[in-house]
Amino acid sequence: MKNILPYIIIGLFLIVFYVWRYRLAPAIEVTEIKVKTNGAPASLVEIEQGNLLVNYYARWCGECLSEMKDLQALHASGKVKVVGLTDDSLEEITFVQQKFKITFPIYQLVGTLKDEGVYTIPISYLINAKGETVKSFLGAEDWVSEEMMNNYAAWLSLK
């Protein structure tokens, strides 16, 4: 038993580290998100205001692309404004916009997803009009399910 105990402790430490680093939604400060507009860096809050669902994604991520249709439907519903953030090239952003008929804004990050502390995608943050993150979502969601549609207003009024 004595010989196994160190391995159990190391294993538990690695599990906790993995969950902390790769599966928990990192905290974001919306005022610090820098995106490119017309090739120049700008703060996301200077461009987009109000209640936002900020969605980090990448074109190579199948789970990310699987929720694009629902994100577009949510944006079109007017419940919350959807904003896409990615480190994809402009060509890849255009491809996604055209393929899924996206009308919500998608911005190219100044840095990479990892620079933003994003290691697992898709990841989304619901941000109220005050710029406070009120809820985070890790993984693809059914953004227009009855349950989700009924909860946006309550979530946005949390803080």
Protein backbone atom coordinates (compact mmCIF):
# COMPACT_ATOMS: atom_id res chain seq x y z
CA MET A 1 0.00 0.00 0.00
CA LYS A 2 2.85 2.38 0.81
CA ASN A 3 4.25 1.94 -2.70
CA ILE A 4 0.92 2.81 -4.36
CA LEU A 5 0.09 5.92 -2.31
CA PRO A 6 2.48 8.31 -4.12
CA TYR A 7 1.03 7.24 -7.47
CA ILE A 8 -2.51 7.81 -6.24
CA ILE A 9 -1.58 11.30 -5.00
CA ILE A 10 0.16 12.18 -8.28
CA GLY A 11 -2.81 10.82 -10.24
CA LEU A 12 -5.28 12.92 -8.24
CA PHE A 13 -3.09 16.00 -8.70
CA LEU A 14 -2.99 15.44 -12.48
CA ILE A 15 -6.75 15.00 -12.64
CA VAL A 16 -7.34 18.21 -10.70
CA PHE A 17 -4.83 20.07 -12.90
CA TYR A 18 -6.46 18.76 -16.09
CA VAL A 19 -9.95 19.79 -14.96
CA TRP A 20 -8.74 23.19 -13.79
CA ARG A 21 -6.72 23.97 -16.91
CA TYR A 22 -8.66 22.41 -19.72
CA ARG A 23 -12.27 21.82 -18.72
CA LEU A 24 -13.26 24.79 -16.61
CA ALA A 25 -14.27 27.94 -18.37
CA PRO A 26 -11.56 30.53 -17.73
CA ALA A 27 -12.64 33.83 -16.27
CA ILE A 28 -12.67 36.58 -18.85
CA GLU A 29 -12.55 40.31 -18.52
CA VAL A 30 -14.57 41.62 -21.46
CA THR A 31 -12.82 44.99 -21.32
CA GLU A 32 -9.50 43.27 -22.09
CA ILE A 33 -10.62 41.42 -25.24
CA LYS A 34 -8.79 42.87 -28.23
CA VAL A 35 -10.01 42.20 -31.76
CA LYS A 36 -9.07 43.39 -35.23
CA THR A 37 -11.36 45.76 -37.10
CA ASN A 38 -10.21 46.75 -40.56
CA GLY A 39 -6.83 45.30 -39.60
CA ALA A 40 -6.41 47.57 -36.57
CA PRO A 41 -6.68 46.41 -32.95
CA ALA A 42 -9.68 47.59 -30.95
CA SER A 43 -11.34 46.72 -27.66
CA LEU A 44 -14.43 44.55 -28.06
CA VAL A 45 -16.39 46.77 -25.65
CA GLU A 46 -15.71 49.79 -27.86
CA ILE A 47 -17.40 48.01 -30.76
CA GLU A 48 -20.11 45.87 -29.14
CA GLN A 49 -22.31 46.91 -26.24
CA GLY A 50 -25.40 45.59 -24.53
CA ASN A 51 -26.25 42.02 -23.65
CA LEU A 52 -23.84 39.72 -25.49
CA LEU A 53 -23.20 36.04 -25.95
CA VAL A 54 -19.48 35.90 -26.76
CA ASN A 55 -18.61 32.62 -28.50
CA TYR A 56 -14.99 31.50 -28.98
CA TYR A 57 -14.64 29.04 -31.85
CA ALA A 58 -12.32 27.81 -34.61
CA ARG A 59 -13.10 26.56 -38.09
CA TRP A 60 -11.26 23.28 -37.50
CA CYS A 61 -13.49 22.51 -34.49
CA GLY A 62 -16.41 20.31 -35.54
CA GLU A 63 -18.30 20.89 -32.29
CA CYS A 64 -17.96 24.66 -32.83
CA LEU A 65 -19.37 24.48 -36.34
CA SER A 66 -22.22 22.22 -35.22
CA GLU A 67 -23.65 25.04 -33.09
CA MET A 68 -23.32 27.87 -35.65
CA LYS A 69 -26.85 27.38 -36.99
CA ASP A 70 -28.28 27.68 -33.45
CA LEU A 71 -26.10 30.70 -32.65
CA GLN A 72 -27.44 32.39 -35.78
CA ALA A 73 -31.02 31.55 -34.77
CA LEU A 74 -30.41 32.94 -31.28
CA HIS A 75 -28.99 36.15 -32.71
CA ALA A 76 -31.93 36.48 -35.10
CA SER A 77 -34.38 36.00 -32.20
CA GLY A 78 -33.22 39.26 -30.60
CA LYS A 79 -32.93 37.70 -27.11
CA VAL A 80 -29.21 38.43 -27.02
CA LYS A 81 -26.61 39.66 -29.48
CA VAL A 82 -24.16 36.94 -30.49
CA VAL A 83 -20.52 37.80 -31.17
CA GLY A 84 -18.04 35.28 -32.53
CA LEU A 85 -14.34 35.43 -31.62
CA THR A 86 -11.65 33.39 -33.31
CA ASP A 87 -7.99 33.35 -34.24
CA ASP A 88 -8.86 31.97 -37.69
CA SER A 89 -7.69 33.79 -40.81
CA LEU A 90 -10.01 36.27 -42.53
CA GLU A 91 -10.58 33.71 -45.29
CA GLU A 92 -11.70 31.11 -42.75
CA ILE A 93 -14.00 33.63 -41.06
CA THR A 94 -15.60 34.46 -44.42
CA PHE A 95 -16.00 30.75 -45.18
CA VAL A 96 -17.88 30.17 -41.89
CA GLN A 97 -20.05 33.27 -42.40
CA GLN A 98 -21.05 32.17 -45.88
CA LYS A 99 -21.52 28.47 -45.12
CA PHE A 100 -23.84 29.12 -42.16
CA LYS A 101 -25.35 32.41 -43.42
CA ILE A 102 -24.08 34.20 -40.32
CA THR A 103 -25.32 37.74 -39.73
CA PHE A 104 -23.84 38.21 -36.26
CA PRO A 105 -20.40 39.83 -36.09
CA ILE A 106 -17.34 37.59 -36.03
CA TYR A 107 -14.07 39.20 -35.03
CA GLN A 108 -10.52 38.01 -35.45
CA LEU A 109 -8.63 38.13 -32.17
CA VAL A 110 -5.46 40.21 -32.02
CA GLY A 111 -3.69 37.21 -30.46
CA THR A 112 -4.54 33.54 -30.31
CA LEU A 113 -7.22 31.67 -28.41
CA LYS A 114 -4.53 30.53 -25.97
CA ASP A 115 -3.49 34.16 -25.44
CA GLU A 116 -7.06 34.70 -24.23
CA GLY A 117 -6.76 31.75 -21.84
CA VAL A 118 -9.04 29.64 -24.03
CA TYR A 119 -7.80 26.04 -24.27
CA THR A 120 -11.09 24.24 -24.90
CA ILE A 121 -13.60 25.30 -27.54
CA PRO A 122 -16.36 26.03 -28.12
CA ILE A 123 -16.71 28.19 -25.05
CA SER A 124 -19.24 30.98 -24.65
CA TYR A 125 -19.89 33.74 -22.13
CA LEU A 126 -23.14 35.52 -21.46
CA ILE A 127 -22.31 39.15 -20.68
CA ASN A 128 -24.83 41.66 -19.39
CA ALA A 129 -25.12 45.30 -20.48
CA LYS A 130 -22.78 46.34 -17.64
CA GLY A 131 -20.00 44.18 -19.11
CA GLU A 132 -20.22 41.55 -16.37
CA THR A 133 -19.92 37.87 -17.19
CA VAL A 134 -23.04 36.24 -15.74
CA LYS A 135 -22.73 32.71 -17.13
CA SER A 136 -20.27 30.57 -19.04
CA PHE A 137 -20.92 27.58 -21.27
CA LEU A 138 -18.27 24.99 -22.10
CA GLY A 139 -18.99 22.91 -25.16
CA ALA A 140 -21.70 23.11 -27.80
CA GLU A 141 -25.19 24.07 -26.64
CA ASP A 142 -28.68 23.96 -28.08
CA TRP A 143 -28.90 27.77 -27.96
CA VAL A 144 -32.52 27.95 -29.07
CA SER A 145 -33.99 25.16 -26.96
CA GLU A 146 -37.06 26.12 -24.97
CA GLU A 147 -35.11 25.91 -21.71
CA MET A 148 -32.33 28.20 -22.95
CA MET A 149 -34.70 30.71 -24.53
CA ASN A 150 -36.67 30.94 -21.27
CA ASN A 151 -33.54 31.59 -19.19
CA TYR A 152 -31.60 34.32 -21.03
CA ALA A 153 -33.47 37.21 -19.38
CA ALA A 154 -33.02 35.72 -15.89
CA TRP A 155 -29.34 35.02 -16.43
CA LEU A 156 -28.69 38.52 -17.75
CA SER A 157 -30.20 40.04 -14.61
CA LEU A 158 -28.06 38.02 -12.18
CA LYS A 159 -25.52 40.69 -11.18
